[in-house]
């Protein structure tokens, strides 16, 4: 469905809902087909892995899972708040202060 083309890899975003509400992080991966985004340090879950070889121990590995694109908002570098994105001369701008994103 492609909700938003405004969020890109490397943007700082704030989470709007869920257990990590209010936390900020950097976008590491973006899936526009599924409308999901992976944010560093957000929505982490523990995955139990089996031992690969005889004599090794199993582990608990922390994995970052994707978040719906509608549940995150870009953080303006000038305002420091979550903002909506506008367009001006082909560039992304903050709707609150007018600064470049």
C-alpha atoms as a PDB file:
ATOM      1  CA  UNK A   1       0.000   0.000   0.000  1.00  0.00           C
ATOM      2  CA  UNK A   2       2.995   2.295   0.579  1.00  0.00           C
ATOM      3  CA  UNK A   3       1.870   4.674   3.340  1.00  0.00           C
ATOM      4  CA  UNK A   4       4.790   7.088   3.351  1.00  0.00           C
ATOM      5  CA  UNK A   5       7.798   7.871   1.196  1.00  0.00           C
ATOM      6  CA  UNK A   6       8.973  10.444   3.737  1.00  0.00           C
ATOM      7  CA  UNK A   7      10.937   8.103   6.001  1.00  0.00           C
ATOM      8  CA  UNK A   8      14.329   6.975   4.741  1.00  0.00           C
ATOM      9  CA  UNK A   9      17.141   4.777   6.000  1.00  0.00           C
ATOM     10  CA  UNK A  10      19.277   6.690   8.508  1.00  0.00           C
ATOM     11  CA  UNK A  11      16.478   9.015   9.729  1.00  0.00           C
ATOM     12  CA  UNK A  12      15.912   9.482  13.447  1.00  0.00           C
ATOM     13  CA  UNK A  13      12.349   8.567  14.398  1.00  0.00           C
ATOM     14  CA  UNK A  14      10.198   8.482  17.532  1.00  0.00           C
ATOM     15  CA  UNK A  15       7.805   5.627  18.313  1.00  0.00           C
ATOM     16  CA  UNK A  16       4.166   6.711  18.727  1.00  0.00           C
ATOM     17  CA  UNK A  17       2.582   3.560  20.155  1.00  0.00           C
ATOM     18  CA  UNK A  18       3.369   0.219  21.746  1.00  0.00           C
ATOM     19  CA  UNK A  19       5.692  -0.851  24.530  1.00  0.00           C
ATOM     20  CA  UNK A  20       8.511   1.404  23.264  1.00  0.00           C
ATOM     21  CA  UNK A  21       6.347   4.523  23.016  1.00  0.00           C
ATOM     22  CA  UNK A  22       8.351   7.745  23.254  1.00  0.00           C
ATOM     23  CA  UNK A  23      11.720   6.146  22.469  1.00  0.00           C
ATOM     24  CA  UNK A  24      13.917   7.493  19.692  1.00  0.00           C
ATOM     25  CA  UNK A  25      16.132   5.527  17.332  1.00  0.00           C
ATOM     26  CA  UNK A  26      17.738   5.449  13.918  1.00  0.00           C
ATOM     27  CA  UNK A  27      16.139   3.612  10.969  1.00  0.00           C
ATOM     28  CA  UNK A  28      18.325   0.672   9.948  1.00  0.00           C
ATOM     29  CA  UNK A  29      16.078  -1.062   7.423  1.00  0.00           C
ATOM     30  CA  UNK A  30      12.978  -0.045   5.508  1.00  0.00           C
ATOM     31  CA  UNK A  31      10.447  -2.321   3.800  1.00  0.00           C
ATOM     32  CA  UNK A  32       8.064  -0.285   1.671  1.00  0.00           C
ATOM     33  CA  UNK A  33       6.317  -3.433   0.413  1.00  0.00           C
ATOM     34  CA  UNK A  34       5.215  -4.426   3.928  1.00  0.00           C
ATOM     35  CA  UNK A  35       5.031  -0.811   5.237  1.00  0.00           C
ATOM     36  CA  UNK A  36       7.396  -1.710   8.079  1.00  0.00           C
ATOM     37  CA  UNK A  37      10.583  -0.168   9.403  1.00  0.00           C
ATOM     38  CA  UNK A  38      13.360  -1.562  11.628  1.00  0.00           C
ATOM     39  CA  UNK A  39      14.544   0.954  14.231  1.00  0.00           C
ATOM     40  CA  UNK A  40      17.791   0.389  16.128  1.00  0.00           C
ATOM     41  CA  UNK A  41      17.064  -0.536  19.774  1.00  0.00           C
ATOM     42  CA  UNK A  42      13.270  -0.580  19.363  1.00  0.00           C
ATOM     43  CA  UNK A  43      10.957  -3.628  19.522  1.00  0.00           C
ATOM     44  CA  UNK A  44      13.668  -6.031  20.640  1.00  0.00           C
ATOM     45  CA  UNK A  45      12.822  -9.640  21.421  1.00  0.00           C
ATOM     46  CA  UNK A  46      14.829 -12.572  22.739  1.00  0.00           C
ATOM     47  CA  UNK A  47      15.338 -15.510  20.387  1.00  0.00           C
ATOM     48  CA  UNK A  48      16.605 -18.827  21.729  1.00  0.00           C
ATOM     49  CA  UNK A  49      19.117 -20.471  19.393  1.00  0.00           C
ATOM     50  CA  UNK A  50      20.115 -24.103  19.386  1.00  0.00           C
ATOM     51  CA  UNK A  51      23.741 -25.167  19.660  1.00  0.00           C
ATOM     52  CA  UNK A  52      25.373 -25.462  16.224  1.00  0.00           C
ATOM     53  CA  UNK A  53      27.916 -28.183  17.119  1.00  0.00           C
ATOM     54  CA  UNK A  54      28.297 -30.905  19.711  1.00  0.00           C
ATOM     55  CA  UNK A  55      29.563 -29.465  22.987  1.00  0.00           C
ATOM     56  CA  UNK A  56      28.371 -25.903  22.321  1.00  0.00           C
ATOM     57  CA  UNK A  57      25.680 -24.271  24.421  1.00  0.00           C
ATOM     58  CA  UNK A  58      22.448 -22.724  23.265  1.00  0.00           C
ATOM     59  CA  UNK A  59      22.141 -18.931  23.467  1.00  0.00           C
ATOM     60  CA  UNK A  60      19.665 -16.157  23.978  1.00  0.00           C
ATOM     61  CA  UNK A  61      20.049 -13.685  21.116  1.00  0.00           C
ATOM     62  CA  UNK A  62      18.394 -10.253  21.106  1.00  0.00           C
ATOM     63  CA  UNK A  63      16.748  -9.569  17.741  1.00  0.00           C
ATOM     64  CA  UNK A  64      15.239  -6.277  16.578  1.00  0.00           C
ATOM     65  CA  UNK A  65      11.850  -6.768  14.916  1.00  0.00           C
ATOM     66  CA  UNK A  66      10.123  -4.387  12.494  1.00  0.00           C
ATOM     67  CA  UNK A  67       7.541  -1.773  13.511  1.00  0.00           C
ATOM     68  CA  UNK A  68       4.633  -0.547  11.408  1.00  0.00           C
ATOM     69  CA  UNK A  69       5.501   2.603   9.484  1.00  0.00           C
ATOM     70  CA  UNK A  70       2.371   4.312  10.796  1.00  0.00           C
ATOM     71  CA  UNK A  71       3.647   3.950  14.385  1.00  0.00           C
ATOM     72  CA  UNK A  72       6.764   6.083  13.891  1.00  0.00           C
ATOM     73  CA  UNK A  73       7.299   9.782  13.202  1.00  0.00           C
ATOM     74  CA  UNK A  74      10.400  11.632  11.978  1.00  0.00           C
ATOM     75  CA  UNK A  75      12.244  13.733  14.558  1.00  0.00           C
ATOM     76  CA  UNK A  76      13.238  17.209  13.333  1.00  0.00           C
ATOM     77  CA  UNK A  77      16.884  18.050  13.994  1.00  0.00           C
ATOM     78  CA  UNK A  78      15.979  21.702  14.604  1.00  0.00           C
ATOM     79  CA  UNK A  79      12.842  21.256  16.809  1.00  0.00           C
ATOM     80  CA  UNK A  80      13.819  17.958  18.442  1.00  0.00           C
ATOM     81  CA  UNK A  81      10.186  16.794  18.245  1.00  0.00           C
ATOM     82  CA  UNK A  82       8.227  14.352  16.130  1.00  0.00           C
ATOM     83  CA  UNK A  83       6.953  16.247  13.089  1.00  0.00           C
ATOM     84  CA  UNK A  84       5.014  15.854   9.890  1.00  0.00           C
ATOM     85  CA  UNK A  85       6.963  16.168   6.666  1.00  0.00           C
ATOM     86  CA  UNK A  86       6.282  18.679   3.930  1.00  0.00           C
ATOM     87  CA  UNK A  87       7.921  19.232   0.538  1.00  0.00           C
ATOM     88  CA  UNK A  88       9.581  22.392  -0.695  1.00  0.00           C
ATOM     89  CA  UNK A  89      11.720  22.535  -3.852  1.00  0.00           C
ATOM     90  CA  UNK A  90      11.975  18.730  -3.836  1.00  0.00           C
ATOM     91  CA  UNK A  91      13.393  18.638  -0.295  1.00  0.00           C
ATOM     92  CA  UNK A  92      11.823  17.324   2.904  1.00  0.00           C
ATOM     93  CA  UNK A  93      10.972  20.073   5.390  1.00  0.00           C
ATOM     94  CA  UNK A  94       9.503  20.199   8.893  1.00  0.00           C
ATOM     95  CA  UNK A  95       5.866  21.355   9.031  1.00  0.00           C
ATOM     96  CA  UNK A  96       6.414  23.035  12.437  1.00  0.00           C
ATOM     97  CA  UNK A  97       9.595  25.074  11.997  1.00  0.00           C
ATOM     98  CA  UNK A  98      10.327  24.827   8.266  1.00  0.00           C
ATOM     99  CA  UNK A  99      13.817  23.355   8.804  1.00  0.00           C
ATOM    100  CA  UNK A 100      15.306  20.776   6.447  1.00  0.00           C
ATOM    101  CA  UNK A 101      15.103  17.107   7.458  1.00  0.00           C
END
